[in-house]
Amino acid sequence: MTRVFQIVFLSGVAFWLTGCKDSEADKPIWEHVKITDLAPFPSGKEPGSSLLKTINFTVYIFEIPAENISTMDDAWPMLYVQPLQFNDYDAFCANLFLAGFGQIPIWNRVAELLRAADGIQGNTISLLLPDGQSNDIAVAGLAQEQTVFYISKKVSMEGATLGPGQFGLRIKAEKIPGSRGVCKVSVLPVFSPPRRSSIPLLAAREKSWELLFTSVGFSLTMSPGDFVLLGPEKYDSGQITLGSLFFSKPEGSLFFSRLEHKVPELKPAIRLFLLVCTGMSY
């Protein structure tokens, strides 16, 4: 009955996100977001996962105009920091990262603030992770070599020459022995050079050239229906720091005004990442 309630509840959330628009042209926000993915499947398994035991997630990438970032000031206090175990909390904050944990009842209020900020939904990525395995979510690329600055452990500034390559979020999931329906999830920013070889020995050497931003990582326990929202403390157009490259998009995106019917405008943007646990087949 609880699972059925969650699915019905989140179907209602989809209505709030979509809103009451007059035509398809007037529905630029969230129209492709399958909010029912936030709820676990009644059987505890996702379609196609019966033969492979996995921990399942959906990652939604949202963008809002940089000029509206203050709207999110009301969203972060709704979420919980206590469930998050930071590798280095001071370094996490110094890199201008923000994160918060929530569950299904909170999502409706957070989504309304994203709508109020004229947010748009970008990519949606589904992850089916075997126990102890990880996968990377692509965030932003470097077309050429440059120095990137970040705060490492003990809150010291460091610079690394990186590029070309890709910044990403590495998501790792592990089942917790003796705890049904609960998993440990680790989230870690990473920079990876282009993969040029499928030969195991060479591929392993290329992987050793990755840079893991360990000081900005965190972990937590999650069950189906739990989510983590990750975003920036502020907009930074500089594109030389880890935080600005991760969250800021100075080249902009096209945004529709929620309150005015007018041509979409190209505006500098910030990215936010919503990681949702959708099910466990263990």
C-alpha atoms as a PDB file:
ATOM      1  CA  MET A   1       0.000   0.000   0.000  1.00  0.00           C
ATOM      2  CA  THR A   2       2.886   2.365   0.790  1.00  0.00           C
ATOM      3  CA  ARG A   3       4.406   1.804  -2.642  1.00  0.00           C
ATOM      4  CA  VAL A   4       1.046   2.471  -4.327  1.00  0.00           C
ATOM      5  CA  PHE A   5       0.678   5.699  -2.336  1.00  0.00           C
ATOM      6  CA  GLN A   6       4.126   6.844  -3.430  1.00  0.00           C
ATOM      7  CA  ILE A   7       3.351   6.275  -7.080  1.00  0.00           C
ATOM      8  CA  VAL A   8      -0.014   8.055  -6.838  1.00  0.00           C
ATOM      9  CA  PHE A   9       1.614  10.924  -4.933  1.00  0.00           C
ATOM     10  CA  LEU A  10       4.328  11.387  -7.517  1.00  0.00           C
ATOM     11  CA  SER A  11       1.820  11.327 -10.335  1.00  0.00           C
ATOM     12  CA  GLY A  12       0.365  14.377  -8.608  1.00  0.00           C
ATOM     13  CA  VAL A  13       3.827  15.920  -8.491  1.00  0.00           C
ATOM     14  CA  ALA A  14       4.036  15.589 -12.244  1.00  0.00           C
ATOM     15  CA  PHE A  15       0.915  17.762 -12.504  1.00  0.00           C
ATOM     16  CA  TRP A  16       2.483  20.440 -10.318  1.00  0.00           C
ATOM     17  CA  LEU A  17       5.648  20.441 -12.423  1.00  0.00           C
ATOM     18  CA  THR A  18       3.816  20.602 -15.718  1.00  0.00           C
ATOM     19  CA  GLY A  19       1.308  23.225 -14.625  1.00  0.00           C
ATOM     20  CA  CYS A  20      -1.914  24.239 -16.398  1.00  0.00           C
ATOM     21  CA  LYS A  21      -0.736  25.562 -19.759  1.00  0.00           C
ATOM     22  CA  ASP A  22      -2.929  26.168 -22.787  1.00  0.00           C
ATOM     23  CA  SER A  23      -0.839  24.441 -25.453  1.00  0.00           C
ATOM     24  CA  GLU A  24       2.231  22.299 -25.978  1.00  0.00           C
ATOM     25  CA  ALA A  25       4.173  25.396 -27.009  1.00  0.00           C
ATOM     26  CA  ASP A  26       3.467  26.880 -23.594  1.00  0.00           C
ATOM     27  CA  LYS A  27       4.802  23.862 -21.671  1.00  0.00           C
ATOM     28  CA  PRO A  28       8.594  24.153 -21.828  1.00  0.00           C
ATOM     29  CA  ILE A  29       9.171  23.134 -18.217  1.00  0.00           C
ATOM     30  CA  TRP A  30       9.497  19.521 -17.127  1.00  0.00           C
ATOM     31  CA  GLU A  31       7.369  18.103 -19.955  1.00  0.00           C
ATOM     32  CA  HIS A  32       9.756  15.203 -20.445  1.00  0.00           C
ATOM     33  CA  VAL A  33      10.410  14.483 -16.763  1.00  0.00           C
ATOM     34  CA  LYS A  34       8.937  11.144 -15.706  1.00  0.00           C
ATOM     35  CA  ILE A  35       8.401  12.010 -12.085  1.00  0.00           C
ATOM     36  CA  THR A  36       6.936   8.577 -11.370  1.00  0.00           C
ATOM     37  CA  ASP A  37      10.538   7.368 -11.593  1.00  0.00           C
ATOM     38  CA  LEU A  38      10.984   8.861  -8.139  1.00  0.00           C
ATOM     39  CA  ALA A  39       8.876   6.082  -6.672  1.00  0.00           C
ATOM     40  CA  PRO A  40      10.045   2.485  -6.434  1.00  0.00           C
ATOM     41  CA  PHE A  41       8.259  -0.091  -8.531  1.00  0.00           C
ATOM     42  CA  PRO A  42       5.665  -2.071  -6.544  1.00  0.00           C
ATOM     43  CA  SER A  43       7.586  -5.286  -7.004  1.00  0.00           C
ATOM     44  CA  GLY A  44      10.841  -3.719  -5.842  1.00  0.00           C
ATOM     45  CA  LYS A  45      12.298  -4.322  -9.293  1.00  0.00           C
ATOM     46  CA  GLU A  46      12.581  -2.251 -12.423  1.00  0.00           C
ATOM     47  CA  PRO A  47      11.591  -3.655 -15.834  1.00  0.00           C
ATOM     48  CA  GLY A  48      14.397  -5.670 -17.339  1.00  0.00           C
ATOM     49  CA  SER A  49      16.294  -5.997 -14.060  1.00  0.00           C
ATOM     50  CA  SER A  50      14.993  -9.416 -12.991  1.00  0.00           C
ATOM     51  CA  LEU A  51      18.006 -11.297 -14.342  1.00  0.00           C
ATOM     52  CA  LEU A  52      20.585  -8.833 -13.044  1.00  0.00           C
ATOM     53  CA  LYS A  53      20.639  -7.728  -9.432  1.00  0.00           C
ATOM     54  CA  THR A  54      21.126  -3.971  -9.446  1.00  0.00           C
ATOM     55  CA  ILE A  55      20.639  -0.800  -7.446  1.00  0.00           C
ATOM     56  CA  ASN A  56      18.738   1.621  -9.651  1.00  0.00           C
ATOM     57  CA  PHE A  57      18.900   5.403  -9.942  1.00  0.00           C
ATOM     58  CA  THR A  58      17.668   8.199 -12.144  1.00  0.00           C
ATOM     59  CA  VAL A  59      19.699  11.395 -12.493  1.00  0.00           C
ATOM     60  CA  TYR A  60      17.887  14.542 -13.645  1.00  0.00           C
ATOM     61  CA  ILE A  61      19.906  17.545 -14.790  1.00  0.00           C
ATOM     62  CA  PHE A  62      18.117  20.883 -14.428  1.00  0.00           C
ATOM     63  CA  GLU A  63      19.119  24.386 -15.478  1.00  0.00           C
ATOM     64  CA  ILE A  64      17.886  27.726 -14.209  1.00  0.00           C
ATOM     65  CA  PRO A  65      18.847  31.254 -15.307  1.00  0.00           C
ATOM     66  CA  ALA A  66      21.850  32.435 -13.292  1.00  0.00           C
ATOM     67  CA  GLU A  67      19.970  35.629 -12.478  1.00  0.00           C
ATOM     68  CA  ASN A  68      17.372  33.538 -10.592  1.00  0.00           C
ATOM     69  CA  ILE A  69      19.782  31.582  -8.402  1.00  0.00           C
ATOM     70  CA  SER A  70      18.523  33.388  -5.284  1.00  0.00           C
ATOM     71  CA  THR A  71      15.229  31.478  -5.704  1.00  0.00           C
ATOM     72  CA  MET A  72      17.100  28.365  -4.571  1.00  0.00           C
ATOM     73  CA  ASP A  73      17.901  30.038  -1.250  1.00  0.00           C
ATOM     74  CA  ASP A  74      14.480  28.839  -0.118  1.00  0.00           C
ATOM     75  CA  ALA A  75      15.028  25.290  -1.398  1.00  0.00           C
ATOM     76  CA  TRP A  76      18.211  24.288   0.408  1.00  0.00           C
ATOM     77  CA  PRO A  77      16.801  24.775   3.942  1.00  0.00           C
ATOM     78  CA  MET A  78      14.014  22.302   3.052  1.00  0.00           C
ATOM     79  CA  LEU A  79      16.607  19.561   2.568  1.00  0.00           C
ATOM     80  CA  TYR A  80      18.694  17.722   5.140  1.00  0.00           C
ATOM     81  CA  VAL A  81      22.471  17.794   5.426  1.00  0.00           C
ATOM     82  CA  GLN A  82      22.768  15.390   8.368  1.00  0.00           C
ATOM     83  CA  PRO A  83      22.396  12.162   6.301  1.00  0.00           C
ATOM     84  CA  LEU A  84      25.363  13.197   4.120  1.00  0.00           C
ATOM     85  CA  GLN A  85      28.815  12.027   5.192  1.00  0.00           C
ATOM     86  CA  PHE A  86      31.295  14.435   3.620  1.00  0.00           C
ATOM     87  CA  ASN A  87      34.884  13.461   2.921  1.00  0.00           C
ATOM     88  CA  ASP A  88      35.835  17.007   3.981  1.00  0.00           C
ATOM     89  CA  TYR A  89      32.912  19.303   4.778  1.00  0.00           C
ATOM     90  CA  ASP A  90      35.026  22.473   4.885  1.00  0.00           C
ATOM     91  CA  ALA A  91      36.559  21.745   1.476  1.00  0.00           C
ATOM     92  CA  PHE A  92      33.134  20.860   0.046  1.00  0.00           C
ATOM     93  CA  CYS A  93      31.776  24.259   1.096  1.00  0.00           C
ATOM     94  CA  ALA A  94      34.941  26.127   0.049  1.00  0.00           C
ATOM     95  CA  ASN A  95      34.485  24.764  -3.481  1.00  0.00           C
ATOM     96  CA  LEU A  96      31.009  26.397  -3.418  1.00  0.00           C
ATOM     97  CA  PHE A  97      29.157  23.065  -3.633  1.00  0.00           C
ATOM     98  CA  LEU A  98      25.780  22.581  -1.945  1.00  0.00           C
ATOM     99  CA  ALA A  99      23.940  19.311  -1.362  1.00  0.00           C
ATOM    100  CA  GLY A 100      20.808  18.240   0.444  1.00  0.00           C
ATOM    101  CA  PHE A 101      18.897  15.018   1.098  1.00  0.00           C
ATOM    102  CA  GLY A 102      15.157  14.652   0.739  1.00  0.00           C
ATOM    103  CA  GLN A 103      12.297  12.195   0.416  1.00  0.00           C
ATOM    104  CA  ILE A 104       9.146  12.090  -1.680  1.00  0.00           C
ATOM    105  CA  PRO A 105       6.989  14.519   0.372  1.00  0.00           C
ATOM    106  CA  ILE A 106       9.630  17.276   0.090  1.00  0.00           C
ATOM    107  CA  TRP A 107      10.060  17.043  -3.665  1.00  0.00           C
ATOM    108  CA  ASN A 108       6.843  18.864  -4.517  1.00  0.00           C
ATOM    109  CA  ARG A 109       7.983  22.036  -2.747  1.00  0.00           C
ATOM    110  CA  VAL A 110      11.480  21.929  -4.250  1.00  0.00           C
ATOM    111  CA  ALA A 111      10.041  21.406  -7.735  1.00  0.00           C
ATOM    112  CA  GLU A 112       7.783  24.425  -7.330  1.00  0.00           C
ATOM    113  CA  LEU A 113      10.812  26.604  -6.572  1.00  0.00           C
ATOM    114  CA  LEU A 114      12.594  25.274  -9.653  1.00  0.00           C
ATOM    115  CA  ARG A 115       9.543  26.231 -11.696  1.00  0.00           C
ATOM    116  CA  ALA A 116       9.461  29.665 -10.069  1.00  0.00           C
ATOM    117  CA  ALA A 117      13.077  30.136 -11.171  1.00  0.00           C
ATOM    118  CA  ASP A 118      12.055  29.445 -14.823  1.00  0.00           C
ATOM    119  CA  GLY A 119      13.955  26.178 -14.710  1.00  0.00           C
ATOM    120  CA  ILE A 120      14.216  23.743 -17.588  1.00  0.00           C
ATOM    121  CA  GLN A 121      14.955  20.032 -17.576  1.00  0.00           C
ATOM    122  CA  GLY A 122      17.975  18.788 -19.504  1.00  0.00           C
ATOM    123  CA  ASN A 123      19.239  15.240 -19.668  1.00  0.00           C
ATOM    124  CA  THR A 124      17.771  12.322 -17.752  1.00  0.00           C
ATOM    125  CA  ILE A 125      20.071   9.360 -17.111  1.00  0.00           C
ATOM    126  CA  SER A 126      19.068   5.946 -15.793  1.00  0.00           C
ATOM    127  CA  LEU A 127      21.668   3.935 -13.873  1.00  0.00           C
ATOM    128  CA  LEU A 128      21.437   0.228 -13.030  1.00  0.00           C
ATOM    129  CA  LEU A 129      24.469  -0.428 -10.845  1.00  0.00           C
ATOM    130  CA  PRO A 130      25.554  -3.900  -9.733  1.00  0.00           C
ATOM    131  CA  ASP A 131      26.682  -4.054  -6.114  1.00  0.00           C
ATOM    132  CA  GLY A 132      29.964  -2.210  -5.606  1.00  0.00           C
ATOM    133  CA  GLN A 133      30.084  -0.833  -9.161  1.00  0.00           C
ATOM    134  CA  SER A 134      30.171   2.791 -10.276  1.00  0.00           C
ATOM    135  CA  ASN A 135      29.248   4.850 -13.306  1.00  0.00           C
ATOM    136  CA  ASP A 136      30.057   8.396 -14.399  1.00  0.00           C
ATOM    137  CA  ILE A 137      27.499  11.062 -15.311  1.00  0.00           C
ATOM    138  CA  ALA A 138      28.981  13.505 -17.840  1.00  0.00           C
ATOM    139  CA  VAL A 139      28.766  17.114 -16.651  1.00  0.00           C
ATOM    140  CA  ALA A 140      31.004  19.409 -18.719  1.00  0.00           C
ATOM    141  CA  GLY A 141      33.915  19.057 -21.105  1.00  0.00           C
ATOM    142  CA  LEU A 142      37.253  20.771 -21.576  1.00  0.00           C
ATOM    143  CA  ALA A 143      38.092  21.157 -25.263  1.00  0.00           C
ATOM    144  CA  GLN A 144      41.683  22.104 -24.579  1.00  0.00           C
ATOM    145  CA  GLU A 145      44.259  22.096 -21.825  1.00  0.00           C
ATOM    146  CA  GLN A 146      43.859  24.605 -19.005  1.00  0.00           C
ATOM    147  CA  THR A 147      44.585  25.042 -15.311  1.00  0.00           C
ATOM    148  CA  VAL A 148      41.677  24.292 -12.987  1.00  0.00           C
ATOM    149  CA  PHE A 149      41.728  25.496  -9.384  1.00  0.00           C
ATOM    150  CA  TYR A 150      40.016  23.716  -6.511  1.00  0.00           C
ATOM    151  CA  ILE A 151      40.137  23.455  -2.734  1.00  0.00           C
ATOM    152  CA  SER A 152      41.701  20.218  -1.524  1.00  0.00           C
ATOM    153  CA  LYS A 153      41.742  18.703   1.935  1.00  0.00           C
ATOM    154  CA  LYS A 154      42.765  21.031   4.752  1.00  0.00           C
ATOM    155  CA  VAL A 155      41.152  23.814   2.677  1.00  0.00           C
ATOM    156  CA  SER A 156      44.220  24.605   0.587  1.00  0.00           C
ATOM    157  CA  MET A 157      44.037  25.938  -2.970  1.00  0.00           C
ATOM    158  CA  GLU A 158      45.501  23.713  -5.651  1.00  0.00           C
ATOM    159  CA  GLY A 159      45.761  23.974  -9.398  1.00  0.00           C
ATOM    160  CA  ALA A 160      45.798  21.114 -11.896  1.00  0.00           C
ATOM    161  CA  THR A 161      46.486  21.284 -15.611  1.00  0.00           C
ATOM    162  CA  LEU A 162      43.679  19.339 -17.256  1.00  0.00           C
ATOM    163  CA  GLY A 163      42.219  18.785 -20.686  1.00  0.00           C
ATOM    164  CA  PRO A 164      41.016  17.828 -23.060  1.00  0.00           C
ATOM    165  CA  GLY A 165      38.535  15.613 -21.271  1.00  0.00           C
ATOM    166  CA  GLN A 166      35.326  15.449 -19.298  1.00  0.00           C
ATOM    167  CA  PHE A 167      34.160  16.412 -15.818  1.00  0.00           C
ATOM    168  CA  GLY A 168      31.664  13.993 -14.352  1.00  0.00           C
ATOM    169  CA  LEU A 169      29.897  12.722 -11.258  1.00  0.00           C
ATOM    170  CA  ARG A 170      30.963   9.227 -10.270  1.00  0.00           C
ATOM    171  CA  ILE A 171      28.072   7.388  -8.635  1.00  0.00           C
ATOM    172  CA  LYS A 172      28.853   4.188  -6.737  1.00  0.00           C
ATOM    173  CA  ALA A 173      26.325   1.978  -4.956  1.00  0.00           C
ATOM    174  CA  GLU A 174      26.816  -0.844  -2.482  1.00  0.00           C
ATOM    175  CA  LYS A 175      24.223  -2.960  -0.714  1.00  0.00           C
ATOM    176  CA  ILE A 176      24.403  -2.993   3.067  1.00  0.00           C
ATOM    177  CA  PRO A 177      24.617  -6.560   4.404  1.00  0.00           C
ATOM    178  CA  GLY A 178      21.652  -7.467   6.548  1.00  0.00           C
ATOM    179  CA  SER A 179      19.651  -4.376   5.538  1.00  0.00           C
ATOM    180  CA  ARG A 180      17.016  -5.034   2.910  1.00  0.00           C
ATOM    181  CA  GLY A 181      16.094  -2.108   0.682  1.00  0.00           C
ATOM    182  CA  VAL A 182      18.985   0.096   1.856  1.00  0.00           C
ATOM    183  CA  CYS A 183      22.219   0.887   0.035  1.00  0.00           C
ATOM    184  CA  LYS A 184      25.303   3.031   0.520  1.00  0.00           C
ATOM    185  CA  VAL A 185      25.813   5.591  -2.238  1.00  0.00           C
ATOM    186  CA  SER A 186      29.015   7.523  -2.916  1.00  0.00           C
ATOM    187  CA  VAL A 187      29.152  10.668  -5.063  1.00  0.00           C
ATOM    188  CA  LEU A 188      32.498  11.975  -6.296  1.00  0.00           C
ATOM    189  CA  PRO A 189      33.422  14.648  -8.874  1.00  0.00           C
ATOM    190  CA  VAL A 190      36.029  13.374 -11.325  1.00  0.00           C
ATOM    191  CA  PHE A 191      37.916  14.518 -14.415  1.00  0.00           C
ATOM    192  CA  SER A 192      38.620  11.877 -17.065  1.00  0.00           C
ATOM    193  CA  PRO A 193      40.732  12.149 -20.216  1.00  0.00           C
ATOM    194  CA  PRO A 194      39.261  10.824 -23.486  1.00  0.00           C
ATOM    195  CA  ARG A 195      39.155   7.032 -23.760  1.00  0.00           C
ATOM    196  CA  ARG A 196      41.262   6.028 -26.743  1.00  0.00           C
ATOM    197  CA  SER A 197      41.846   2.327 -26.208  1.00  0.00           C
ATOM    198  CA  SER A 198      39.730  -0.738 -25.495  1.00  0.00           C
ATOM    199  CA  ILE A 199      42.797  -2.833 -24.703  1.00  0.00           C
ATOM    200  CA  PRO A 200      42.560  -3.557 -20.952  1.00  0.00           C
ATOM    201  CA  LEU A 201      46.189  -2.676 -20.133  1.00  0.00           C
ATOM    202  CA  LEU A 202      46.086   0.624 -22.039  1.00  0.00           C
ATOM    203  CA  ALA A 203      42.600   1.450 -20.777  1.00  0.00           C
ATOM    204  CA  ALA A 204      43.814   0.944 -17.190  1.00  0.00           C
ATOM    205  CA  ARG A 205      46.725   3.310 -17.855  1.00  0.00           C
ATOM    206  CA  GLU A 206      44.342   5.946 -19.219  1.00  0.00           C
ATOM    207  CA  LYS A 207      42.143   5.522 -16.143  1.00  0.00           C
ATOM    208  CA  SER A 208      45.168   6.209 -13.932  1.00  0.00           C
ATOM    209  CA  TRP A 209      45.334   9.685 -15.498  1.00  0.00           C
ATOM    210  CA  GLU A 210      41.967  10.592 -13.981  1.00  0.00           C
ATOM    211  CA  LEU A 211      41.799  13.235 -11.276  1.00  0.00           C
ATOM    212  CA  LEU A 212      39.462  12.408  -8.401  1.00  0.00           C
ATOM    213  CA  PHE A 213      38.305  15.431  -6.406  1.00  0.00           C
ATOM    214  CA  THR A 214      38.186  13.419  -3.193  1.00  0.00           C
ATOM    215  CA  SER A 215      37.783  16.433  -0.920  1.00  0.00           C
ATOM    216  CA  VAL A 216      34.438  17.244  -2.573  1.00  0.00           C
ATOM    217  CA  GLY A 217      32.984  13.739  -2.336  1.00  0.00           C
ATOM    218  CA  PHE A 218      30.310  12.486   0.027  1.00  0.00           C
ATOM    219  CA  SER A 219      28.315   9.359   0.793  1.00  0.00           C
ATOM    220  CA  LEU A 220      24.988   8.441   2.356  1.00  0.00           C
ATOM    221  CA  THR A 221      22.540   5.591   2.788  1.00  0.00           C
ATOM    222  CA  MET A 222      19.536   5.595   0.463  1.00  0.00           C
ATOM    223  CA  SER A 223      16.322   3.660  -0.033  1.00  0.00           C
ATOM    224  CA  PRO A 224      13.907   3.786  -2.987  1.00  0.00           C
ATOM    225  CA  GLY A 225      12.202   7.195  -3.016  1.00  0.00           C
ATOM    226  CA  ASP A 226      15.162   9.062  -1.468  1.00  0.00           C
ATOM    227  CA  PHE A 227      16.919  11.801  -3.413  1.00  0.00           C
ATOM    228  CA  VAL A 228      19.948  14.097  -3.247  1.00  0.00           C
ATOM    229  CA  LEU A 229      20.039  17.543  -4.857  1.00  0.00           C
ATOM    230  CA  LEU A 230      23.475  18.909  -5.797  1.00  0.00           C
ATOM    231  CA  GLY A 231      24.078  22.483  -6.915  1.00  0.00           C
ATOM    232  CA  PRO A 232      26.231  25.617  -6.522  1.00  0.00           C
ATOM    233  CA  GLU A 233      26.309  28.208  -3.771  1.00  0.00           C
ATOM    234  CA  LYS A 234      26.626  30.950  -6.391  1.00  0.00           C
ATOM    235  CA  TYR A 235      27.064  31.561 -10.107  1.00  0.00           C
ATOM    236  CA  ASP A 236      30.669  31.957 -11.285  1.00  0.00           C
ATOM    237  CA  SER A 237      31.305  32.705 -14.949  1.00  0.00           C
ATOM    238  CA  GLY A 238      35.093  32.410 -14.604  1.00  0.00           C
ATOM    239  CA  GLN A 239      35.328  28.776 -15.786  1.00  0.00           C
ATOM    240  CA  ILE A 240      38.667  28.261 -14.048  1.00  0.00           C
ATOM    241  CA  THR A 241      37.494  26.715 -10.773  1.00  0.00           C
ATOM    242  CA  LEU A 242      35.983  23.294 -10.161  1.00  0.00           C
ATOM    243  CA  GLY A 243      32.714  24.813  -8.973  1.00  0.00           C
ATOM    244  CA  SER A 244      32.319  27.123 -11.966  1.00  0.00           C
ATOM    245  CA  LEU A 245      33.110  24.396 -14.502  1.00  0.00           C
ATOM    246  CA  PHE A 246      30.753  21.990 -12.782  1.00  0.00           C
ATOM    247  CA  PHE A 247      27.710  24.186 -12.296  1.00  0.00           C
ATOM    248  CA  SER A 248      28.010  27.376 -14.362  1.00  0.00           C
ATOM    249  CA  LYS A 249      27.089  27.661 -18.022  1.00  0.00           C
ATOM    250  CA  PRO A 250      28.042  31.176 -19.175  1.00  0.00           C
ATOM    251  CA  GLU A 251      27.267  30.385 -22.826  1.00  0.00           C
ATOM    252  CA  GLY A 252      23.684  30.109 -21.663  1.00  0.00           C
ATOM    253  CA  SER A 253      20.516  28.193 -22.490  1.00  0.00           C
ATOM    254  CA  LEU A 254      17.143  29.192 -23.864  1.00  0.00           C
ATOM    255  CA  PHE A 255      14.631  29.934 -21.118  1.00  0.00           C
ATOM    256  CA  PHE A 256      10.904  30.590 -21.178  1.00  0.00           C
ATOM    257  CA  SER A 257       9.427  33.049 -18.721  1.00  0.00           C
ATOM    258  CA  ARG A 258       6.934  31.451 -16.371  1.00  0.00           C
ATOM    259  CA  LEU A 259       4.918  34.652 -16.035  1.00  0.00           C
ATOM    260  CA  GLU A 260       5.268  36.260 -19.463  1.00  0.00           C
ATOM    261  CA  HIS A 261       4.385  34.913 -22.910  1.00  0.00           C
ATOM    262  CA  LYS A 262       7.353  35.938 -25.012  1.00  0.00           C
ATOM    263  CA  VAL A 263      10.118  34.542 -27.185  1.00  0.00           C
ATOM    264  CA  PRO A 264      12.600  32.346 -25.260  1.00  0.00           C
ATOM    265  CA  GLU A 265      15.737  34.196 -24.196  1.00  0.00           C
ATOM    266  CA  LEU A 266      19.344  32.984 -24.139  1.00  0.00           C
ATOM    267  CA  LYS A 267      20.634  33.523 -20.601  1.00  0.00           C
ATOM    268  CA  PRO A 268      23.658  32.379 -18.579  1.00  0.00           C
ATOM    269  CA  ALA A 269      22.642  29.319 -16.567  1.00  0.00           C
ATOM    270  CA  ILE A 270      23.488  27.151 -13.596  1.00  0.00           C
ATOM    271  CA  ARG A 271      23.144  23.367 -13.446  1.00  0.00           C
ATOM    272  CA  LEU A 272      21.596  21.300 -10.676  1.00  0.00           C
ATOM    273  CA  PHE A 273      21.698  17.526 -10.345  1.00  0.00           C
ATOM    274  CA  LEU A 274      18.945  15.431  -8.803  1.00  0.00           C
ATOM    275  CA  LEU A 275      19.972  11.862  -7.922  1.00  0.00           C
ATOM    276  CA  VAL A 276      16.994   9.617  -7.128  1.00  0.00           C
ATOM    277  CA  CYS A 277      17.083   6.041  -5.849  1.00  0.00           C
ATOM    278  CA  THR A 278      14.308   4.305  -7.802  1.00  0.00           C
ATOM    279  CA  GLY A 279      14.657   0.663  -6.775  1.00  0.00           C
ATOM    280  CA  MET A 280      16.751  -2.286  -5.623  1.00  0.00           C
ATOM    281  CA  SER A 281      16.462  -5.794  -6.995  1.00  0.00           C
ATOM    282  CA  TYR A 282      18.393  -7.343  -4.117  1.00  0.00           C
END
